[in-house]
Amino acid sequence: MSELYLAVDAGNTKTWAGLTTAGGDLVGLSRGGVGDIYAPAGANAAKDVVLRLVDEALGAAGATASDVRHAAF
């Protein structure tokens, strides 16, 4: 798989990571905990959540990081 687009919404109640094709088809999605770097758990915990969810979305799509052409956080 190639030419994927990654979007991450890291919030103070939940975080989403999604992958789409250039045509807009959703091919990978994951949801998890707090991704807010200013939350009580801190920046390292938020980073861990975001990276785990990106990995999960990639896995759901059967893709690797090298398949991602553009990302928005």
C-alpha atoms as a PDB file:
ATOM      1  CA  MET A   1       0.000   0.000   0.000  1.00  0.00           C
ATOM      2  CA  SER A   2       1.283   3.485  -0.755  1.00  0.00           C
ATOM      3  CA  GLU A   3       0.226   7.111  -0.979  1.00  0.00           C
ATOM      4  CA  LEU A   4      -1.522   7.197   2.384  1.00  0.00           C
ATOM      5  CA  TYR A   5      -2.466  10.272   4.372  1.00  0.00           C
ATOM      6  CA  LEU A   6      -2.230  10.295   8.169  1.00  0.00           C
ATOM      7  CA  ALA A   7      -4.322  12.522  10.415  1.00  0.00           C
ATOM      8  CA  VAL A   8      -3.960  12.669  14.197  1.00  0.00           C
ATOM      9  CA  ASP A   9      -6.272  14.534  16.564  1.00  0.00           C
ATOM     10  CA  ALA A  10      -4.543  14.491  19.949  1.00  0.00           C
ATOM     11  CA  GLY A  11      -6.904  15.895  22.536  1.00  0.00           C
ATOM     12  CA  ASN A  12      -7.354  16.233  26.257  1.00  0.00           C
ATOM     13  CA  THR A  13     -10.031  13.532  26.465  1.00  0.00           C
ATOM     14  CA  LYS A  14      -9.205  11.214  23.561  1.00  0.00           C
ATOM     15  CA  THR A  15      -6.927  10.865  20.580  1.00  0.00           C
ATOM     16  CA  TRP A  16      -7.672   9.593  17.071  1.00  0.00           C
ATOM     17  CA  ALA A  17      -5.291   8.468  14.333  1.00  0.00           C
ATOM     18  CA  GLY A  18      -6.602   7.758  10.850  1.00  0.00           C
ATOM     19  CA  LEU A  19      -5.210   6.803   7.476  1.00  0.00           C
ATOM     20  CA  THR A  20      -6.863   7.497   4.146  1.00  0.00           C
ATOM     21  CA  THR A  21      -6.035   6.914   0.528  1.00  0.00           C
ATOM     22  CA  ALA A  22      -5.596   9.820  -1.873  1.00  0.00           C
ATOM     23  CA  GLY A  23      -9.218   9.230  -2.877  1.00  0.00           C
ATOM     24  CA  GLY A  24     -10.423   9.664   0.704  1.00  0.00           C
ATOM     25  CA  ASP A  25     -11.127   6.037   1.589  1.00  0.00           C
ATOM     26  CA  LEU A  26     -10.535   5.344   5.279  1.00  0.00           C
ATOM     27  CA  VAL A  27      -8.166   2.377   5.550  1.00  0.00           C
ATOM     28  CA  GLY A  28      -6.972   2.553   9.172  1.00  0.00           C
ATOM     29  CA  LEU A  29      -8.383   4.070  12.339  1.00  0.00           C
ATOM     30  CA  SER A  30      -7.477   3.911  16.010  1.00  0.00           C
ATOM     31  CA  ARG A  31      -8.715   5.653  19.145  1.00  0.00           C
ATOM     32  CA  GLY A  32      -7.084   6.001  22.526  1.00  0.00           C
ATOM     33  CA  GLY A  33      -6.459   8.105  25.581  1.00  0.00           C
ATOM     34  CA  VAL A  34      -5.192  11.584  26.258  1.00  0.00           C
ATOM     35  CA  GLY A  35      -2.756  13.008  23.726  1.00  0.00           C
ATOM     36  CA  ASP A  36      -2.558  16.483  25.272  1.00  0.00           C
ATOM     37  CA  ILE A  37       1.033  17.367  26.206  1.00  0.00           C
ATOM     38  CA  TYR A  38      -0.252  19.723  28.905  1.00  0.00           C
ATOM     39  CA  ALA A  39      -2.356  17.054  30.638  1.00  0.00           C
ATOM     40  CA  PRO A  40      -1.327  15.953  34.145  1.00  0.00           C
ATOM     41  CA  ALA A  41       0.372  12.825  32.765  1.00  0.00           C
ATOM     42  CA  GLY A  42       2.794  15.031  30.808  1.00  0.00           C
ATOM     43  CA  ALA A  43       4.338  15.271  27.382  1.00  0.00           C
ATOM     44  CA  ASN A  44       6.045  11.873  27.362  1.00  0.00           C
ATOM     45  CA  ALA A  45       2.783  10.074  28.130  1.00  0.00           C
ATOM     46  CA  ALA A  46       1.009  12.041  25.387  1.00  0.00           C
ATOM     47  CA  LYS A  47       3.746  11.196  22.888  1.00  0.00           C
ATOM     48  CA  ASP A  48       3.464   7.512  23.784  1.00  0.00           C
ATOM     49  CA  VAL A  49      -0.308   7.585  23.166  1.00  0.00           C
ATOM     50  CA  VAL A  50       0.066   9.307  19.791  1.00  0.00           C
ATOM     51  CA  LEU A  51       2.814   6.980  18.564  1.00  0.00           C
ATOM     52  CA  ARG A  52       0.930   3.867  19.715  1.00  0.00           C
ATOM     53  CA  LEU A  53      -2.222   4.981  17.904  1.00  0.00           C
ATOM     54  CA  VAL A  54      -0.316   5.768  14.714  1.00  0.00           C
ATOM     55  CA  ASP A  55       1.182   2.253  14.860  1.00  0.00           C
ATOM     56  CA  GLU A  56      -2.287   0.767  15.420  1.00  0.00           C
ATOM     57  CA  ALA A  57      -3.766   2.680  12.477  1.00  0.00           C
ATOM     58  CA  LEU A  58      -0.888   1.569  10.263  1.00  0.00           C
ATOM     59  CA  GLY A  59      -1.426  -2.015  11.376  1.00  0.00           C
ATOM     60  CA  ALA A  60      -5.163  -1.822  10.678  1.00  0.00           C
ATOM     61  CA  ALA A  61      -4.362  -0.610   7.165  1.00  0.00           C
ATOM     62  CA  GLY A  62      -1.698  -3.243   6.585  1.00  0.00           C
ATOM     63  CA  ALA A  63       0.718  -0.399   5.939  1.00  0.00           C
ATOM     64  CA  THR A  64       4.093   0.834   7.116  1.00  0.00           C
ATOM     65  CA  ALA A  65       5.341   4.317   7.948  1.00  0.00           C
ATOM     66  CA  SER A  66       7.025   4.514   4.543  1.00  0.00           C
ATOM     67  CA  ASP A  67       3.571   4.333   2.905  1.00  0.00           C
ATOM     68  CA  VAL A  68       2.571   7.670   4.468  1.00  0.00           C
ATOM     69  CA  ARG A  69       3.068  10.562   2.055  1.00  0.00           C
ATOM     70  CA  HIS A  70       1.600  13.378   4.155  1.00  0.00           C
ATOM     71  CA  ALA A  71       0.611  13.807   7.792  1.00  0.00           C
ATOM     72  CA  ALA A  72      -1.302  16.372   9.820  1.00  0.00           C
ATOM     73  CA  PHE A  73      -1.274  16.496  13.598  1.00  0.00           C
END
